Amino acid sequence: MAGYILYSLDWDKFAALVERPTAEQLRVLADLVADAIENPIWDFDDDDDPVLAWPDDPAGLPAVVARRLARTDWYGDLSDGGKTAWEGAIFQAGQNGDEHGLDLAFRVESDGVYWDVIDFARRELRVPPNKVTAVALSAFGTRPFRHPTAGRSGDDGWAPMHSMHPPDEVRRMADELRSLAAAAQRQGEEVRGDFAELLAAVERVAADGRLLFVQVDT
């Protein structure tokens, strides 16, 4: 059964990577982007996709990566293939970046919770299907960092494979989950167990002021 695996990153270090990347960090990210766009399964089928103009030589990519990091929306101008390639690079930076010197203090928070517990939370919080709303949990597993519209009604249907949530959003998630504790106890055993796992992980990330990093596990 598919679900979500929960990680976290040091928020200050991640924010510094995004806002003030060092030359070495840009080189590492450029290598990850180069690996991602070389994947033959991504179809860059939009003639206007900026990825088509990115240099083939990784040595030319750090400047491209720096410009994209500075954008408030990393995804809106990319085709589905371009979005997936960039998302894949950011995912690898979060999950494996410490091995390459990015120093984001990656931490595993939960080996996994299933779809059912998030579906339960969205229903209880009256979040419409396939929408990101003002409810913090509506973005869980649906909105990568700096993708303002992911998951919203009318989006292009692209399905991201991870989401990232800054500390203020994680604190709101923790509050929302705590408000559902009584309702969770009326659910089946599997949802009750996953709810306890999810709540403990989110509260821990919130207490530590870290970025919540959610992998969509299919």
Protein backbone atom coordinates (compact mmCIF):
# COMPACT_ATOMS: atom_id res chain seq x y z
CA MET A 1 0.00 0.00 0.00
CA ALA A 2 1.32 3.43 -0.94
CA GLY A 3 1.74 6.29 1.46
CA TYR A 4 4.22 8.85 2.74
CA ILE A 5 7.72 8.68 4.26
CA LEU A 6 8.60 11.59 6.54
CA TYR A 7 12.00 13.27 6.77
CA SER A 8 13.20 16.66 7.97
CA LEU A 9 15.98 19.12 7.19
CA ASP A 10 17.57 21.91 9.18
CA TRP A 11 15.49 24.92 8.19
CA ASP A 12 18.22 27.56 8.52
CA LYS A 13 20.63 25.50 6.43
CA PHE A 14 18.02 24.80 3.77
CA ALA A 15 16.99 28.47 3.63
CA ALA A 16 20.64 29.47 3.25
CA LEU A 17 21.02 26.97 0.38
CA VAL A 18 18.05 28.55 -1.38
CA GLU A 19 18.84 32.18 -0.65
CA ARG A 20 22.64 32.29 -0.33
CA PRO A 21 24.10 29.19 -2.00
CA THR A 22 27.85 28.83 -2.02
CA ALA A 23 29.73 28.10 -5.23
CA GLU A 24 30.28 24.51 -4.07
CA GLN A 25 26.58 24.05 -3.28
CA LEU A 26 25.67 25.35 -6.73
CA ARG A 27 28.10 22.89 -8.27
CA VAL A 28 26.51 19.99 -6.36
CA LEU A 29 23.01 21.10 -7.33
CA ALA A 30 24.12 21.52 -10.95
CA ASP A 31 25.37 17.93 -10.97
CA LEU A 32 22.02 16.72 -9.59
CA VAL A 33 20.12 18.74 -12.20
CA ALA A 34 22.34 17.39 -14.98
CA ASP A 35 21.64 13.83 -13.83
CA ALA A 36 17.91 14.54 -13.68
CA ILE A 37 17.56 16.06 -17.15
CA GLU A 38 19.57 13.22 -18.70
CA ASN A 39 16.94 10.71 -17.56
CA PRO A 40 15.47 9.39 -20.82
CA ILE A 41 11.96 8.93 -19.40
CA TRP A 42 11.32 12.68 -19.03
CA ASP A 43 9.61 14.15 -22.07
CA PHE A 44 10.30 17.85 -22.49
CA ASP A 45 7.38 18.22 -24.88
CA ASP A 46 6.83 21.95 -24.54
CA ASP A 47 8.87 23.90 -27.09
CA ASP A 48 8.99 26.79 -24.63
CA ASP A 49 10.30 24.69 -21.74
CA PRO A 50 13.35 26.54 -20.38
CA VAL A 51 15.02 23.17 -19.72
CA LEU A 52 15.58 22.83 -23.46
CA ALA A 53 17.86 25.87 -23.33
CA TRP A 54 19.87 24.71 -20.34
CA PRO A 55 23.50 23.84 -21.18
CA ASP A 56 24.39 20.22 -21.79
CA ASP A 57 27.70 20.69 -20.00
CA PRO A 58 27.25 20.59 -16.20
CA ALA A 59 29.91 23.30 -15.96
CA GLY A 60 27.40 25.74 -17.42
CA LEU A 61 24.57 24.79 -15.07
CA PRO A 62 25.53 26.48 -11.76
CA ALA A 63 24.47 29.89 -13.11
CA VAL A 64 21.16 28.42 -14.33
CA VAL A 65 20.58 26.79 -10.94
CA ALA A 66 21.37 30.07 -9.13
CA ARG A 67 18.80 31.95 -11.20
CA ARG A 68 16.13 29.31 -10.60
CA LEU A 69 16.79 29.21 -6.85
CA ALA A 70 16.17 32.97 -6.76
CA ARG A 71 12.70 32.61 -8.30
CA THR A 72 9.61 32.70 -6.08
CA ASP A 73 8.08 29.96 -8.27
CA TRP A 74 10.47 27.20 -9.33
CA TYR A 75 7.93 25.27 -11.40
CA GLY A 76 5.34 27.45 -13.10
CA ASP A 77 7.20 27.98 -16.39
CA LEU A 78 8.26 24.33 -16.84
CA SER A 79 6.59 21.47 -18.71
CA ASP A 80 5.67 18.34 -16.75
CA GLY A 81 9.01 16.82 -17.76
CA GLY A 82 10.87 19.92 -16.66
CA LYS A 83 9.00 20.03 -13.36
CA THR A 84 9.79 16.39 -12.69
CA ALA A 85 13.47 16.86 -13.50
CA TRP A 86 13.83 19.91 -11.22
CA GLU A 87 11.78 18.25 -8.49
CA GLY A 88 13.97 15.17 -8.72
CA ALA A 89 17.11 17.25 -8.27
CA ILE A 90 15.67 19.04 -5.23
CA PHE A 91 14.52 15.71 -3.77
CA GLN A 92 18.00 14.24 -4.19
CA ALA A 93 19.50 17.36 -2.64
CA GLY A 94 17.30 16.88 0.41
CA GLN A 95 17.66 13.13 0.79
CA ASN A 96 21.26 12.60 -0.31
CA GLY A 97 22.77 16.08 -0.29
CA ASP A 98 24.64 15.61 2.97
CA GLU A 99 26.71 12.90 1.27
CA HIS A 100 27.81 15.52 -1.28
CA GLY A 101 28.52 18.30 1.19
CA LEU A 102 25.26 20.26 1.14
CA ASP A 103 25.07 19.96 4.97
CA LEU A 104 21.27 20.06 5.41
CA ALA A 105 21.19 17.77 8.48
CA PHE A 106 18.84 15.24 6.87
CA ARG A 107 16.86 13.20 9.42
CA VAL A 108 14.36 10.35 9.07
CA GLU A 109 11.21 11.06 11.08
CA SER A 110 8.93 8.16 10.10
CA ASP A 111 9.36 5.10 7.90
CA GLY A 112 5.88 5.69 6.59
CA VAL A 113 2.17 6.33 7.05
CA TYR A 114 -0.48 5.28 4.53
CA TRP A 115 -2.78 7.41 2.39
CA ASP A 116 -5.73 6.62 4.65
CA VAL A 117 -4.62 8.80 7.55
CA ILE A 118 -4.11 11.87 5.36
CA ASP A 119 -7.42 11.22 3.60
CA PHE A 120 -9.04 11.07 7.06
CA ALA A 121 -7.43 14.35 8.12
CA ARG A 122 -8.45 16.13 4.92
CA ARG A 123 -12.06 14.95 5.31
CA GLU A 124 -12.24 16.05 8.94
CA LEU A 125 -10.72 19.43 8.09
CA ARG A 126 -13.16 19.82 5.15
CA VAL A 127 -10.46 20.16 2.50
CA PRO A 128 -11.95 19.70 -1.00
CA PRO A 129 -10.39 16.89 -3.07
CA ASN A 130 -7.21 17.78 -4.97
CA LYS A 131 -6.96 21.28 -3.52
CA VAL A 132 -4.45 23.13 -1.41
CA THR A 133 -6.28 25.58 0.84
CA ALA A 134 -5.48 27.64 3.92
CA VAL A 135 -5.46 24.36 5.86
CA ALA A 136 -1.78 23.46 6.33
CA LEU A 137 -2.36 19.71 6.00
CA SER A 138 -3.92 20.23 2.57
CA ALA A 139 -0.37 20.75 1.22
CA PHE A 140 0.99 17.54 2.78
CA GLY A 141 2.49 15.43 0.01
CA THR A 142 1.26 17.76 -2.73
CA ARG A 143 3.29 20.99 -2.73
CA PRO A 144 7.05 21.08 -3.34
CA PHE A 145 9.00 24.05 -2.07
CA ARG A 146 8.32 27.19 -4.12
CA HIS A 147 5.47 25.71 -6.14
CA PRO A 148 2.66 28.09 -5.09
CA THR A 149 -0.11 26.40 -7.08
CA ALA A 150 0.64 22.66 -6.74
CA GLY A 151 -2.47 20.73 -5.81
CA ARG A 152 -4.90 23.56 -6.44
CA SER A 153 -8.03 23.19 -8.55
CA GLY A 154 -7.23 24.19 -12.11
CA ASP A 155 -3.55 23.23 -11.88
CA ASP A 156 -2.16 21.33 -14.85
CA GLY A 157 -2.52 17.93 -13.23
CA TRP A 158 1.20 17.36 -12.64
CA ALA A 159 1.65 15.08 -9.61
CA PRO A 160 4.73 15.87 -7.52
CA MET A 161 6.45 13.07 -5.62
CA HIS A 162 7.43 15.09 -2.56
CA SER A 163 6.48 18.14 -0.54
CA MET A 164 8.43 20.48 1.75
CA HIS A 165 6.99 22.53 4.61
CA PRO A 166 8.67 25.40 6.50
CA PRO A 167 8.50 25.50 10.32
CA ASP A 168 5.50 27.86 10.53
CA GLU A 169 3.47 25.52 8.31
CA VAL A 170 4.60 22.50 10.32
CA ARG A 171 3.43 24.14 13.54
CA ARG A 172 0.02 24.71 11.99
CA MET A 173 -0.05 21.08 10.86
CA ALA A 174 0.66 19.99 14.42
CA ASP A 175 -2.20 22.14 15.74
CA GLU A 176 -4.57 20.74 13.11
CA LEU A 177 -3.61 17.16 13.92
CA ARG A 178 -4.06 17.71 17.65
CA SER A 179 -7.57 19.00 16.95
CA LEU A 180 -8.35 15.64 15.27
CA ALA A 181 -7.09 13.39 18.08
CA ALA A 182 -10.55 12.48 19.40
CA ALA A 183 -11.93 11.82 15.91
CA ALA A 184 -8.90 9.63 15.12
CA GLN A 185 -9.72 7.37 18.06
CA ARG A 186 -13.04 6.52 16.40
CA GLN A 187 -11.27 5.23 13.28
CA GLY A 188 -10.01 1.75 12.51
CA GLU A 189 -6.86 0.33 14.05
CA GLU A 190 -4.65 1.14 11.05
CA VAL A 191 -5.69 4.80 10.90
CA ARG A 192 -5.33 5.14 14.68
CA GLY A 193 -1.81 3.75 14.55
CA ASP A 194 -0.77 5.90 11.60
CA PHE A 195 -2.33 8.97 13.21
CA ALA A 196 -0.23 8.50 16.35
CA GLU A 197 2.89 8.02 14.19
CA LEU A 198 2.11 11.10 12.08
CA LEU A 199 1.28 13.32 15.04
CA ALA A 200 4.45 12.36 16.92
CA ALA A 201 6.63 13.01 13.85
CA VAL A 202 5.03 16.37 13.01
CA GLU A 203 5.17 17.53 16.62
CA ARG A 204 8.85 16.59 16.81
CA VAL A 205 9.69 18.49 13.62
CA ALA A 206 7.63 21.47 14.82
CA ALA A 207 9.32 21.50 18.24
CA ASP A 208 12.75 21.44 16.61
CA GLY A 209 11.89 24.20 14.12
CA ARG A 210 12.87 22.04 11.15
CA LEU A 211 11.57 21.76 7.57
CA LEU A 212 9.23 18.79 7.06
CA PHE A 213 10.18 16.82 3.95
CA VAL A 214 7.54 14.34 2.75
CA GLN A 215 8.24 11.64 0.17
CA VAL A 216 5.21 10.33 -1.73
CA ASP A 217 5.77 6.57 -1.75
CA THR A 218 4.03 4.76 -4.60
